[in-house]
Every structure is written in structure tokens, then in C-alpha cells.
């Protein structure tokens, strides 16, 4: 049975149900696919939006079968791809507009899209502001964007 995390209650954070969407796409098309995603979903995460993750390039493999648009191959071919990873607080038929946008922007006949039921935690604003581990309470680390220094 899928864990729904309904038994977790905290004054520090809230739990929200949704879907983790993973999209494998050639790196040069990743920007176009992300723009299509953002046209459908703001990708909100608490006080932030456009929250997404892109992996480093890896290798995707597949073999075209006779009914595919591409010429059938006897063995798997390889394509350098990245994976876009997002969370949306939606499930089921509410995902259809987002998936339609991804299909439209993706260069493949059969995009590799995984939909994983998921939950996320969201902070409760105004708590823990003085925590010495927060980046704003320290000298700026290299990873802190210039706009937030």
C-alpha cells in the first residue's frame, strides 16, 4: 500500500501529496520542454516557484521496433539525455494538461516520462529564522546565488 504520510503532523512543516514527474530528454531540447512545463505549472514549492532539477547528461538506450516511426534496429541505440525532475501537487486526470504540454514539446515519438506518486514537505513560514545553519545566517557559500548574497 502506498504511504500517504497522513500520520505525520508537525508545527514545523506540512506534508502535501502529489506526483513526481521524471522526463528523459536530449539536453538540447530540455529548455524547450521545461518552458512547456512552466507554461502549465508554476512549480511552486513554498515561497519559491520554478523549482525543478536537471541531472547531468547520461545515456538513454532504446531499440526501435518495426511499428515505430523510426527505422527498426536490431540492437539498442544510445542517446545522451538529461532527466528533468519536478513535483506537482496533482494526481490522476489533473495531470493531463501537463503531460500533453510535455508530449508537444518533446522531440521523441515516445517520450520517457515516469509518474511517481509522491509526497513533499513544506516549511511553515517564520520559524527557525535564527538557525545558524541557514545560509543567510552565515558568510555566503559558493553555491549561494549572487542575487541572495
Protein backbone atom coordinates (compact mmCIF):
# COMPACT_ATOMS: atom_id res chain seq x y z
CA UNK A 1 0.00 0.00 0.00
CA UNK A 2 1.27 3.46 -0.90
CA UNK A 3 2.30 5.56 2.10
CA UNK A 4 0.25 8.77 2.22
CA UNK A 5 2.09 10.31 5.17
CA UNK A 6 -1.21 11.33 6.79
CA UNK A 7 0.14 10.24 10.18
CA UNK A 8 2.90 12.86 10.15
CA UNK A 9 1.86 16.05 11.92
CA UNK A 10 4.28 18.85 12.74
CA UNK A 11 4.21 22.50 13.69
CA UNK A 12 7.42 22.89 11.66
CA UNK A 13 6.27 21.61 8.24
CA UNK A 14 3.26 20.35 6.28
CA UNK A 15 3.04 17.29 4.04
CA UNK A 16 1.46 17.59 0.60
CA UNK A 17 0.53 14.74 -1.75
CA UNK A 18 1.23 14.87 -5.48
CA UNK A 19 3.24 13.36 -8.31
CA UNK A 20 6.92 13.33 -9.09
CA UNK A 21 7.33 13.69 -12.86
CA UNK A 22 10.60 12.49 -14.41
CA UNK A 23 11.28 13.26 -18.07
CA UNK A 24 14.29 11.97 -20.03
CA UNK A 25 15.11 14.34 -22.88
CA UNK A 26 18.11 15.15 -25.09
CA UNK A 27 19.94 18.04 -23.41
CA UNK A 28 19.44 20.46 -26.33
CA UNK A 29 15.64 20.02 -26.05
CA UNK A 30 15.49 20.25 -22.23
CA UNK A 31 14.96 24.04 -22.21
CA UNK A 32 12.02 23.80 -24.60
CA UNK A 33 10.43 21.02 -22.54
CA UNK A 34 10.95 22.99 -19.31
CA UNK A 35 9.31 26.07 -20.86
CA UNK A 36 6.32 23.92 -21.84
CA UNK A 37 6.12 22.62 -18.26
CA UNK A 38 6.27 26.15 -16.84
CA UNK A 39 3.51 27.28 -19.20
CA UNK A 40 1.24 24.72 -17.47
CA UNK A 41 2.61 24.61 -13.92
CA UNK A 42 4.38 27.25 -11.84
CA UNK A 43 6.22 24.51 -9.93
CA UNK A 44 5.60 26.20 -6.59
CA UNK A 45 7.48 25.00 -3.54
CA UNK A 46 6.54 27.07 -0.51
CA UNK A 47 7.78 30.62 -1.05
CA UNK A 48 9.52 29.67 -4.32
CA UNK A 49 8.42 28.75 -7.82
CA UNK A 50 10.01 27.22 -10.93
CA UNK A 51 11.53 24.57 -8.65
CA UNK A 52 12.98 21.78 -10.80
CA UNK A 53 16.04 19.61 -11.03
CA UNK A 54 18.04 18.66 -14.13
CA UNK A 55 20.52 15.80 -13.93
CA UNK A 56 23.89 15.77 -15.61
CA UNK A 57 23.82 14.15 -19.04
CA UNK A 58 23.61 10.39 -19.02
CA UNK A 59 22.95 7.74 -21.63
CA UNK A 60 19.46 6.62 -22.58
CA UNK A 61 19.11 3.49 -24.67
CA UNK A 62 16.28 2.09 -26.75
CA UNK A 63 15.59 -0.17 -29.69
CA UNK A 64 13.08 0.87 -32.34
CA UNK A 65 10.59 -1.87 -33.14
CA UNK A 66 9.00 -2.34 -36.60
CA UNK A 67 5.85 -0.32 -35.79
CA UNK A 68 7.83 2.73 -34.57
CA UNK A 69 8.15 5.90 -36.66
CA UNK A 70 11.93 5.38 -36.83
CA UNK A 71 13.53 2.56 -38.78
CA UNK A 72 13.63 -0.64 -36.71
CA UNK A 73 17.03 -1.56 -35.31
CA UNK A 74 18.47 -4.95 -34.41
CA UNK A 75 20.07 -3.60 -31.22
CA UNK A 76 19.65 -0.73 -28.80
CA UNK A 77 20.95 2.69 -29.79
CA UNK A 78 22.15 5.30 -27.30
CA UNK A 79 21.28 8.98 -26.92
CA UNK A 80 22.85 11.46 -24.48
CA UNK A 81 20.00 12.76 -22.29
CA UNK A 82 19.30 14.67 -19.12
CA UNK A 83 16.41 14.00 -16.78
CA UNK A 84 14.08 16.79 -15.70
CA UNK A 85 12.56 16.16 -12.28
CA UNK A 86 9.58 18.08 -10.93
CA UNK A 87 6.86 17.73 -8.29
CA UNK A 88 3.28 18.79 -8.89
CA UNK A 89 0.55 18.71 -6.23
CA UNK A 90 -1.77 16.85 -8.58
CA UNK A 91 -2.64 13.27 -9.39
CA UNK A 92 -4.72 11.36 -11.91
CA UNK A 93 -6.62 13.23 -14.62
CA UNK A 94 -5.41 16.60 -13.33
CA UNK A 95 -2.00 15.74 -14.85
CA UNK A 96 -3.37 15.57 -18.41
CA UNK A 97 -2.67 19.22 -19.46
CA UNK A 98 0.90 19.00 -18.17
CA UNK A 99 1.55 15.68 -19.91
CA UNK A 100 0.03 17.00 -23.14
CA UNK A 101 2.42 20.01 -23.00
CA UNK A 102 5.42 17.73 -22.41
CA UNK A 103 4.42 15.48 -25.34
CA UNK A 104 4.04 18.54 -27.57
CA UNK A 105 7.48 19.98 -26.71
CA UNK A 106 9.45 16.71 -26.56
CA UNK A 107 11.34 15.63 -29.72
CA UNK A 108 10.55 11.92 -29.30
CA UNK A 109 7.64 9.93 -30.67
CA UNK A 110 7.52 8.11 -27.30
CA UNK A 111 8.94 10.36 -24.57
CA UNK A 112 10.21 8.56 -21.47
CA UNK A 113 8.02 10.08 -18.76
CA UNK A 114 7.63 8.49 -15.35
CA UNK A 115 4.83 9.44 -12.96
CA UNK A 116 5.58 8.52 -9.36
CA UNK A 117 3.07 9.11 -6.55
CA UNK A 118 4.92 11.23 -4.02
CA UNK A 119 4.66 13.49 -1.02
CA UNK A 120 6.70 16.55 -0.14
CA UNK A 121 7.31 18.60 2.96
CA UNK A 122 6.77 22.35 3.01
CA UNK A 123 8.15 24.60 5.74
CA UNK A 124 5.89 26.73 7.88
CA UNK A 125 6.98 30.32 7.28
CA UNK A 126 8.59 32.36 10.05
CA UNK A 127 10.03 29.50 12.08
CA UNK A 128 13.68 28.78 12.63
CA UNK A 129 14.83 32.08 11.09
CA UNK A 130 17.75 32.39 13.54
CA UNK A 131 19.03 28.87 12.88
CA UNK A 132 22.81 29.18 12.40
CA UNK A 133 22.67 26.56 9.62
CA UNK A 134 20.55 28.78 7.36
CA UNK A 135 22.63 30.30 4.57
CA UNK A 136 21.50 33.85 5.44
CA UNK A 137 23.00 33.48 8.93
CA UNK A 138 26.48 32.63 7.59
CA UNK A 139 29.10 34.03 5.29
CA UNK A 140 27.87 33.30 1.75
CA UNK A 141 28.91 29.87 0.48
CA UNK A 142 29.94 29.43 -3.15
CA UNK A 143 26.61 27.79 -4.01
CA UNK A 144 24.52 30.77 -2.82
CA UNK A 145 23.24 32.64 -5.91
CA UNK A 146 24.58 36.18 -6.24
CA UNK A 147 21.02 37.57 -6.01
CA UNK A 148 20.73 36.10 -2.49
CA UNK A 149 24.01 37.27 -1.03
